[in-house]
Amino acid sequence: MLVLTRHANQSIMIGNEVVVTVLEVRGDQVRLGIRAPREIAVHRDEVFAELQKANRSAASPSDVALATLRDIRPTPPPKDKSQQ
């Protein structure tokens, strides 16, 4: 982990396109401004964790959904033994 000390109105660069600026320091809170291209997602850590959880949940069908799919799946026709 890189640890930097910055004062209000000072910035750091992440790559060539992301700028993080310290806007204000008030007690134990720090306000940051982040300038990044639209195609780069920027989230608070707890929001990012919730998004990952929701994405995993959406990508994983429930047992009920799987059972329903099995119930509606057509039964394959019996194999004709004379053609084997």
PDB file of N, CA and C in Angstrom:
ATOM      1  N   MET A   1       0.848  -1.172   0.000  1.00  0.00           N
ATOM      2  CA  MET A   1       0.000   0.000   0.000  1.00  0.00           C
ATOM      3  C   MET A   1       0.894   1.236   0.000  1.00  0.00           C
ATOM      4  N   LEU A   2       0.580   2.148  -0.866  1.00  0.00           N
ATOM      5  CA  LEU A   2       1.274   3.425  -0.917  1.00  0.00           C
ATOM      6  C   LEU A   2       0.584   4.375   0.048  1.00  0.00           C
ATOM      7  N   VAL A   3       1.337   5.010   0.924  1.00  0.00           N
ATOM      8  CA  VAL A   3       0.776   5.966   1.885  1.00  0.00           C
ATOM      9  C   VAL A   3       1.348   7.334   1.562  1.00  0.00           C
ATOM     10  N   LEU A   4       0.459   8.311   1.344  1.00  0.00           N
ATOM     11  CA  LEU A   4       0.870   9.671   1.008  1.00  0.00           C
ATOM     12  C   LEU A   4       0.280  10.656   2.003  1.00  0.00           C
ATOM     13  N   THR A   5       0.969  11.745   2.217  1.00  0.00           N
ATOM     14  CA  THR A   5       0.438  12.840   3.029  1.00  0.00           C
ATOM     15  C   THR A   5       0.111  13.983   2.082  1.00  0.00           C
ATOM     16  N   ARG A   6      -1.110  14.464   2.145  1.00  0.00           N
ATOM     17  CA  ARG A   6      -1.548  15.577   1.306  1.00  0.00           C
ATOM     18  C   ARG A   6      -2.292  16.576   2.192  1.00  0.00           C
ATOM     19  N   HIS A   7      -2.274  17.813   1.803  1.00  0.00           N
ATOM     20  CA  HIS A   7      -3.036  18.859   2.477  1.00  0.00           C
ATOM     21  C   HIS A   7      -4.216  19.238   1.595  1.00  0.00           C
ATOM     22  N   ALA A   8      -5.119  20.039   2.129  1.00  0.00           N
ATOM     23  CA  ALA A   8      -6.277  20.498   1.351  1.00  0.00           C
ATOM     24  C   ALA A   8      -5.790  21.148   0.057  1.00  0.00           C
ATOM     25  N   ASN A   9      -6.512  20.878  -1.008  1.00  0.00           N
ATOM     26  CA  ASN A   9      -6.246  21.388  -2.357  1.00  0.00           C
ATOM     27  C   ASN A   9      -5.033  20.759  -3.025  1.00  0.00           C
ATOM     28  N   GLN A  10      -4.466  19.716  -2.456  1.00  0.00           N
ATOM     29  CA  GLN A  10      -3.393  18.982  -3.113  1.00  0.00           C
ATOM     30  C   GLN A  10      -3.975  17.704  -3.714  1.00  0.00           C
ATOM     31  N   SER A  11      -3.339  17.225  -4.767  1.00  0.00           N
ATOM     32  CA  SER A  11      -3.877  16.087  -5.509  1.00  0.00           C
ATOM     33  C   SER A  11      -2.843  14.983  -5.653  1.00  0.00           C
ATOM     34  N   ILE A  12      -3.346  13.810  -6.051  1.00  0.00           N
ATOM     35  CA  ILE A  12      -2.499  12.722  -6.497  1.00  0.00           C
ATOM     36  C   ILE A  12      -3.053  12.227  -7.824  1.00  0.00           C
ATOM     37  N   MET A  13      -2.188  11.667  -8.636  1.00  0.00           N
ATOM     38  CA  MET A  13      -2.587  11.108  -9.924  1.00  0.00           C
ATOM     39  C   MET A  13      -2.565   9.593  -9.822  1.00  0.00           C
ATOM     40  N   ILE A  14      -3.590   8.954 -10.376  1.00  0.00           N
ATOM     41  CA  ILE A  14      -3.629   7.500 -10.497  1.00  0.00           C
ATOM     42  C   ILE A  14      -3.657   7.218 -11.989  1.00  0.00           C
ATOM     43  N   GLY A  15      -2.581   6.657 -12.479  1.00  0.00           N
ATOM     44  CA  GLY A  15      -2.452   6.481 -13.917  1.00  0.00           C
ATOM     45  C   GLY A  15      -2.359   7.843 -14.585  1.00  0.00           C
ATOM     46  N   ASN A  16      -2.825   7.912 -15.820  1.00  0.00           N
ATOM     47  CA  ASN A  16      -2.776   9.175 -16.569  1.00  0.00           C
ATOM     48  C   ASN A  16      -4.086   9.946 -16.537  1.00  0.00           C
ATOM     49  N   GLU A  17      -5.148   9.322 -16.009  1.00  0.00           N
ATOM     50  CA  GLU A  17      -6.463   9.931 -16.173  1.00  0.00           C
ATOM     51  C   GLU A  17      -7.234  10.189 -14.888  1.00  0.00           C
ATOM     52  N   VAL A  18      -6.812   9.650 -13.756  1.00  0.00           N
ATOM     53  CA  VAL A  18      -7.572   9.787 -12.520  1.00  0.00           C
ATOM     54  C   VAL A  18      -6.834  10.737 -11.579  1.00  0.00           C
ATOM     55  N   VAL A  19      -7.546  11.775 -11.131  1.00  0.00           N
ATOM     56  CA  VAL A  19      -6.983  12.752 -10.204  1.00  0.00           C
ATOM     57  C   VAL A  19      -7.813  12.714  -8.925  1.00  0.00           C
ATOM     58  N   VAL A  20      -7.143  12.512  -7.795  1.00  0.00           N
ATOM     59  CA  VAL A  20      -7.798  12.537  -6.494  1.00  0.00           C
ATOM     60  C   VAL A  20      -7.289  13.783  -5.772  1.00  0.00           C
ATOM     61  N   THR A  21      -8.223  14.657  -5.374  1.00  0.00           N
ATOM     62  CA  THR A  21      -7.868  15.909  -4.721  1.00  0.00           C
ATOM     63  C   THR A  21      -8.453  15.946  -3.320  1.00  0.00           C
ATOM     64  N   VAL A  22      -7.639  16.352  -2.354  1.00  0.00           N
ATOM     65  CA  VAL A  22      -8.118  16.559  -0.985  1.00  0.00           C
ATOM     66  C   VAL A  22      -8.837  17.906  -0.992  1.00  0.00           C
ATOM     67  N   LEU A  23     -10.145  17.881  -0.750  1.00  0.00           N
ATOM     68  CA  LEU A  23     -10.928  19.112  -0.760  1.00  0.00           C
ATOM     69  C   LEU A  23     -10.956  19.780   0.610  1.00  0.00           C
ATOM     70  N   GLU A  24     -11.060  18.962   1.644  1.00  0.00           N
ATOM     71  CA  GLU A  24     -11.210  19.527   2.987  1.00  0.00           C
ATOM     72  C   GLU A  24     -10.859  18.470   4.024  1.00  0.00           C
ATOM     73  N   VAL A  25     -10.251  18.911   5.099  1.00  0.00           N
ATOM     74  CA  VAL A  25      -9.994  18.046   6.245  1.00  0.00           C
ATOM     75  C   VAL A  25     -10.698  18.686   7.432  1.00  0.00           C
ATOM     76  N   ARG A  26     -11.637  17.923   8.019  1.00  0.00           N
ATOM     77  CA  ARG A  26     -12.408  18.454   9.148  1.00  0.00           C
ATOM     78  C   ARG A  26     -12.447  17.377  10.228  1.00  0.00           C
ATOM     79  N   GLY A  27     -11.658  17.567  11.285  1.00  0.00           N
ATOM     80  CA  GLY A  27     -11.606  16.560  12.342  1.00  0.00           C
ATOM     81  C   GLY A  27     -11.044  15.261  11.787  1.00  0.00           C
ATOM     82  N   ASP A  28     -11.803  14.176  11.958  1.00  0.00           N
ATOM     83  CA  ASP A  28     -11.336  12.876  11.451  1.00  0.00           C
ATOM     84  C   ASP A  28     -11.941  12.532  10.093  1.00  0.00           C
ATOM     85  N   GLN A  29     -12.534  13.511   9.434  1.00  0.00           N
ATOM     86  CA  GLN A  29     -13.098  13.277   8.101  1.00  0.00           C
ATOM     87  C   GLN A  29     -12.297  14.028   7.049  1.00  0.00           C
ATOM     88  N   VAL A  30     -12.148  13.381   5.907  1.00  0.00           N
ATOM     89  CA  VAL A  30     -11.450  13.974   4.776  1.00  0.00           C
ATOM     90  C   VAL A  30     -12.401  13.937   3.586  1.00  0.00           C
ATOM     91  N   ARG A  31     -12.605  15.067   2.955  1.00  0.00           N
ATOM     92  CA  ARG A  31     -13.428  15.113   1.740  1.00  0.00           C
ATOM     93  C   ARG A  31     -12.495  15.049   0.540  1.00  0.00           C
ATOM     94  N   LEU A  32     -12.783  14.110  -0.344  1.00  0.00           N
ATOM     95  CA  LEU A  32     -11.971  13.912  -1.543  1.00  0.00           C
ATOM     96  C   LEU A  32     -12.796  14.206  -2.786  1.00  0.00           C
ATOM     97  N   GLY A  33     -12.157  14.773  -3.760  1.00  0.00           N
ATOM     98  CA  GLY A  33     -12.753  14.926  -5.080  1.00  0.00           C
ATOM     99  C   GLY A  33     -12.024  14.002  -6.028  1.00  0.00           C
ATOM    100  N   ILE A  34     -12.776  13.298  -6.863  1.00  0.00           N
ATOM    101  CA  ILE A  34     -12.160  12.346  -7.787  1.00  0.00           C
ATOM    102  C   ILE A  34     -12.601  12.696  -9.200  1.00  0.00           C
ATOM    103  N   ARG A  35     -11.626  12.951 -10.059  1.00  0.00           N
ATOM    104  CA  ARG A  35     -11.906  13.236 -11.461  1.00  0.00           C
ATOM    105  C   ARG A  35     -11.399  12.049 -12.267  1.00  0.00           C
ATOM    106  N   ALA A  36     -12.325  11.384 -12.966  1.00  0.00           N
ATOM    107  CA  ALA A  36     -11.980  10.198 -13.747  1.00  0.00           C
ATOM    108  C   ALA A  36     -12.878  10.150 -14.979  1.00  0.00           C
ATOM    109  N   PRO A  37     -12.417   9.502 -16.033  1.00  0.00           N
ATOM    110  CA  PRO A  37     -13.275   9.332 -17.216  1.00  0.00           C
ATOM    111  C   PRO A  37     -14.548   8.564 -16.853  1.00  0.00           C
ATOM    112  N   ARG A  38     -15.607   8.809 -17.590  1.00  0.00           N
ATOM    113  CA  ARG A  38     -16.897   8.170 -17.304  1.00  0.00           C
ATOM    114  C   ARG A  38     -16.827   6.651 -17.340  1.00  0.00           C
ATOM    115  N   GLU A  39     -15.940   6.104 -18.157  1.00  0.00           N
ATOM    116  CA  GLU A  39     -15.888   4.646 -18.270  1.00  0.00           C
ATOM    117  C   GLU A  39     -15.189   3.978 -17.082  1.00  0.00           C
ATOM    118  N   ILE A  40     -14.619   4.765 -16.183  1.00  0.00           N
ATOM    119  CA  ILE A  40     -14.000   4.221 -14.979  1.00  0.00           C
ATOM    120  C   ILE A  40     -14.981   4.380 -13.824  1.00  0.00           C
ATOM    121  N   ALA A  41     -15.405   3.262 -13.256  1.00  0.00           N
ATOM    122  CA  ALA A  41     -16.350   3.289 -12.140  1.00  0.00           C
ATOM    123  C   ALA A  41     -15.614   3.705 -10.865  1.00  0.00           C
ATOM    124  N   VAL A  42     -16.211   4.624 -10.120  1.00  0.00           N
ATOM    125  CA  VAL A  42     -15.651   5.073  -8.849  1.00  0.00           C
ATOM    126  C   VAL A  42     -16.745   4.915  -7.796  1.00  0.00           C
ATOM    127  N   HIS A  43     -16.485   4.081  -6.783  1.00  0.00           N
ATOM    128  CA  HIS A  43     -17.473   3.820  -5.737  1.00  0.00           C
ATOM    129  C   HIS A  43     -16.789   3.827  -4.374  1.00  0.00           C
ATOM    130  N   ARG A  44     -17.561   4.149  -3.354  1.00  0.00           N
ATOM    131  CA  ARG A  44     -17.076   3.919  -1.990  1.00  0.00           C
ATOM    132  C   ARG A  44     -16.956   2.417  -1.801  1.00  0.00           C
ATOM    133  N   ASP A  45     -16.050   1.995  -0.924  1.00  0.00           N
ATOM    134  CA  ASP A  45     -15.778   0.568  -0.717  1.00  0.00           C
ATOM    135  C   ASP A  45     -17.038  -0.203  -0.352  1.00  0.00           C
ATOM    136  N   GLU A  46     -17.850   0.320   0.558  1.00  0.00           N
ATOM    137  CA  GLU A  46     -19.044  -0.407   0.994  1.00  0.00           C
ATOM    138  C   GLU A  46     -20.088  -0.502  -0.125  1.00  0.00           C
ATOM    139  N   VAL A  47     -20.161   0.509  -0.981  1.00  0.00           N
ATOM    140  CA  VAL A  47     -21.083   0.460  -2.116  1.00  0.00           C
ATOM    141  C   VAL A  47     -20.583  -0.573  -3.131  1.00  0.00           C
ATOM    142  N   PHE A  48     -19.282  -0.591  -3.376  1.00  0.00           N
ATOM    143  CA  PHE A  48     -18.694  -1.559  -4.293  1.00  0.00           C
ATOM    144  C   PHE A  48     -18.955  -2.989  -3.831  1.00  0.00           C
ATOM    145  N   ALA A  49     -18.809  -3.232  -2.522  1.00  0.00           N
ATOM    146  CA  ALA A  49     -19.059  -4.577  -1.974  1.00  0.00           C
ATOM    147  C   ALA A  49     -20.517  -4.972  -2.183  1.00  0.00           C
ATOM    148  N   GLU A  50     -21.451  -4.056  -1.981  1.00  0.00           N
ATOM    149  CA  GLU A  50     -22.874  -4.349  -2.199  1.00  0.00           C
ATOM    150  C   GLU A  50     -23.168  -4.622  -3.674  1.00  0.00           C
ATOM    151  N   LEU A  51     -22.538  -3.871  -4.561  1.00  0.00           N
ATOM    152  CA  LEU A  51     -22.726  -4.110  -5.993  1.00  0.00           C
ATOM    153  C   LEU A  51     -22.225  -5.497  -6.388  1.00  0.00           C
ATOM    154  N   GLN A  52     -21.061  -5.886  -5.865  1.00  0.00           N
ATOM    155  CA  GLN A  52     -20.545  -7.228  -6.155  1.00  0.00           C
ATOM    156  C   GLN A  52     -21.489  -8.300  -5.630  1.00  0.00           C
ATOM    157  N   LYS A  53     -22.001  -8.102  -4.432  1.00  0.00           N
ATOM    158  CA  LYS A  53     -22.935  -9.069  -3.835  1.00  0.00           C
ATOM    159  C   LYS A  53     -24.196  -9.182  -4.696  1.00  0.00           C
ATOM    160  N   ALA A  54     -24.735  -8.053  -5.123  1.00  0.00           N
ATOM    161  CA  ALA A  54     -25.943  -8.058  -5.951  1.00  0.00           C
ATOM    162  C   ALA A  54     -25.676  -8.725  -7.301  1.00  0.00           C
ATOM    163  N   ASN A  55     -24.510  -8.465  -7.886  1.00  0.00           N
ATOM    164  CA  ASN A  55     -24.173  -9.083  -9.174  1.00  0.00           C
ATOM    165  C   ASN A  55     -24.031 -10.594  -9.039  1.00  0.00           C
ATOM    166  N   ARG A  56     -23.389 -11.053  -7.960  1.00  0.00           N
ATOM    167  CA  ARG A  56     -23.255 -12.494  -7.747  1.00  0.00           C
ATOM    168  C   ARG A  56     -24.629 -13.132  -7.554  1.00  0.00           C
ATOM    169  N   SER A  57     -25.488 -12.456  -6.813  1.00  0.00           N
ATOM    170  CA  SER A  57     -26.827 -12.979  -6.563  1.00  0.00           C
ATOM    171  C   SER A  57     -27.633 -13.060  -7.860  1.00  0.00           C
ATOM    172  N   ALA A  58     -27.525 -12.025  -8.680  1.00  0.00           N
ATOM    173  CA  ALA A  58     -28.266 -12.009  -9.944  1.00  0.00           C
ATOM    174  C   ALA A  58     -27.753 -13.064 -10.913  1.00  0.00           C
ATOM    175  N   ALA A  59     -26.472 -13.396 -10.828  1.00  0.00           N
ATOM    176  CA  ALA A  59     -25.885 -14.373 -11.739  1.00  0.00           C
ATOM    177  C   ALA A  59     -26.073 -15.811 -11.257  1.00  0.00           C
ATOM    178  N   SER A  60     -26.570 -15.984 -10.052  1.00  0.00           N
ATOM    179  CA  SER A  60     -26.751 -17.322  -9.481  1.00  0.00           C
ATOM    180  C   SER A  60     -28.239 -17.606  -9.330  1.00  0.00           C
ATOM    181  N   PRO A  61     -28.798 -18.485 -10.168  1.00  0.00           N
ATOM    182  CA  PRO A  61     -30.230 -18.765 -10.076  1.00  0.00           C
ATOM    183  C   PRO A  61     -30.559 -19.484  -8.762  1.00  0.00           C
ATOM    184  N   SER A  62     -31.748 -19.221  -8.276  1.00  0.00           N
ATOM    185  CA  SER A  62     -32.194 -19.871  -7.046  1.00  0.00           C
ATOM    186  C   SER A  62     -32.538 -21.334  -7.324  1.00  0.00           C
ATOM    187  N   ASP A  63     -32.619 -22.118  -6.263  1.00  0.00           N
ATOM    188  CA  ASP A  63     -33.000 -23.533  -6.401  1.00  0.00           C
ATOM    189  C   ASP A  63     -34.401 -23.662  -6.994  1.00  0.00           C
ATOM    190  N   VAL A  64     -35.292 -22.745  -6.617  1.00  0.00           N
ATOM    191  CA  VAL A  64     -36.660 -22.772  -7.145  1.00  0.00           C
ATOM    192  C   VAL A  64     -36.647 -22.524  -8.651  1.00  0.00           C
ATOM    193  N   ALA A  65     -35.833 -21.565  -9.104  1.00  0.00           N
ATOM    194  CA  ALA A  65     -35.760 -21.273 -10.537  1.00  0.00           C
ATOM    195  C   ALA A  65     -35.200 -22.463 -11.303  1.00  0.00           C
ATOM    196  N   LEU A  66     -34.187 -23.101 -10.754  1.00  0.00           N
ATOM    197  CA  LEU A  66     -33.619 -24.276 -11.420  1.00  0.00           C
ATOM    198  C   LEU A  66     -34.623 -25.425 -11.490  1.00  0.00           C
ATOM    199  N   ALA A  67     -35.368 -25.634 -10.400  1.00  0.00           N
ATOM    200  CA  ALA A  67     -36.382 -26.690 -10.393  1.00  0.00           C
ATOM    201  C   ALA A  67     -37.471 -26.396 -11.422  1.00  0.00           C
ATOM    202  N   THR A  68     -37.869 -25.142 -11.536  1.00  0.00           N
ATOM    203  CA  THR A  68     -38.889 -24.757 -12.516  1.00  0.00           C
ATOM    204  C   THR A  68     -38.394 -25.028 -13.928  1.00  0.00           C
ATOM    205  N   LEU A  69     -37.141 -24.699 -14.192  1.00  0.00           N
ATOM    206  CA  LEU A  69     -36.586 -24.969 -15.522  1.00  0.00           C
ATOM    207  C   LEU A  69     -36.542 -26.463 -15.819  1.00  0.00           C
ATOM    208  N   ARG A  70     -36.195 -27.267 -14.816  1.00  0.00           N
ATOM    209  CA  ARG A  70     -36.179 -28.716 -15.021  1.00  0.00           C
ATOM    210  C   ARG A  70     -37.586 -29.235 -15.320  1.00  0.00           C
ATOM    211  N   ASP A  71     -38.587 -28.650 -14.658  1.00  0.00           N
ATOM    212  CA  ASP A  71     -39.968 -29.096 -14.859  1.00  0.00           C
ATOM    213  C   ASP A  71     -40.489 -28.763 -16.252  1.00  0.00           C
ATOM    214  N   ILE A  72     -40.049 -27.664 -16.834  1.00  0.00           N
ATOM    215  CA  ILE A  72     -40.580 -27.266 -18.147  1.00  0.00           C
ATOM    216  C   ILE A  72     -39.723 -27.771 -19.298  1.00  0.00           C
ATOM    217  N   ARG A  73     -38.588 -28.392 -19.003  1.00  0.00           N
ATOM    218  CA  ARG A  73     -37.724 -28.924 -20.052  1.00  0.00           C
ATOM    219  C   ARG A  73     -38.441 -30.069 -20.749  1.00  0.00           C
ATOM    220  N   PRO A  74     -38.463 -30.051 -22.079  1.00  0.00           N
ATOM    221  CA  PRO A  74     -39.135 -31.146 -22.795  1.00  0.00           C
ATOM    222  C   PRO A  74     -38.394 -32.459 -22.579  1.00  0.00           C
ATOM    223  N   THR A  75     -39.157 -33.518 -22.532  1.00  0.00           N
ATOM    224  CA  THR A  75     -38.579 -34.849 -22.385  1.00  0.00           C
ATOM    225  C   THR A  75     -38.029 -35.292 -23.732  1.00  0.00           C
ATOM    226  N   PRO A  76     -36.789 -35.738 -23.761  1.00  0.00           N
ATOM    227  CA  PRO A  76     -36.233 -36.174 -25.068  1.00  0.00           C
ATOM    228  C   PRO A  76     -36.965 -37.433 -25.545  1.00  0.00           C
ATOM    229  N   PRO A  77     -37.097 -37.553 -26.865  1.00  0.00           N
ATOM    230  CA  PRO A  77     -37.781 -38.753 -27.389  1.00  0.00           C
ATOM    231  C   PRO A  77     -36.936 -39.991 -27.089  1.00  0.00           C
ATOM    232  N   PRO A  78     -37.604 -41.136 -26.945  1.00  0.00           N
ATOM    233  CA  PRO A  78     -36.847 -42.372 -26.675  1.00  0.00           C
ATOM    234  C   PRO A  78     -35.961 -42.700 -27.880  1.00  0.00           C
ATOM    235  N   LYS A  79     -34.814 -43.287 -27.579  1.00  0.00           N
ATOM    236  CA  LYS A  79     -33.890 -43.660 -28.640  1.00  0.00           C
ATOM    237  C   LYS A  79     -34.444 -44.886 -29.376  1.00  0.00           C
ATOM    238  N   ASP A  80     -34.321 -44.828 -30.673  1.00  0.00           N
ATOM    239  CA  ASP A  80     -34.771 -45.940 -31.518  1.00  0.00           C
ATOM    240  C   ASP A  80     -33.632 -46.965 -31.568  1.00  0.00           C
ATOM    241  N   LYS A  81     -33.857 -48.139 -30.978  1.00  0.00           N
ATOM    242  CA  LYS A  81     -32.809 -49.157 -30.882  1.00  0.00           C
ATOM    243  C   LYS A  81     -32.511 -49.788 -32.240  1.00  0.00           C
ATOM    244  N   SER A  82     -33.403 -49.694 -33.192  1.00  0.00           N
ATOM    245  CA  SER A  82     -33.168 -50.331 -34.493  1.00  0.00           C
ATOM    246  C   SER A  82     -32.132 -49.556 -35.308  1.00  0.00           C
ATOM    247  N   GLN A  83     -31.882 -48.285 -34.983  1.00  0.00           N
ATOM    248  CA  GLN A  83     -30.924 -47.501 -35.722  1.00  0.00           C
ATOM    249  C   GLN A  83     -29.529 -47.543 -35.111  1.00  0.00           C
ATOM    250  N   GLN A  84     -29.322 -48.256 -34.056  1.00  0.00           N
ATOM    251  CA  GLN A  84     -28.010 -48.323 -33.420  1.00  0.00           C
ATOM    252  C   GLN A  84     -27.153 -49.390 -33.979  1.00  0.00           C
TER     253      GLN A  84
END
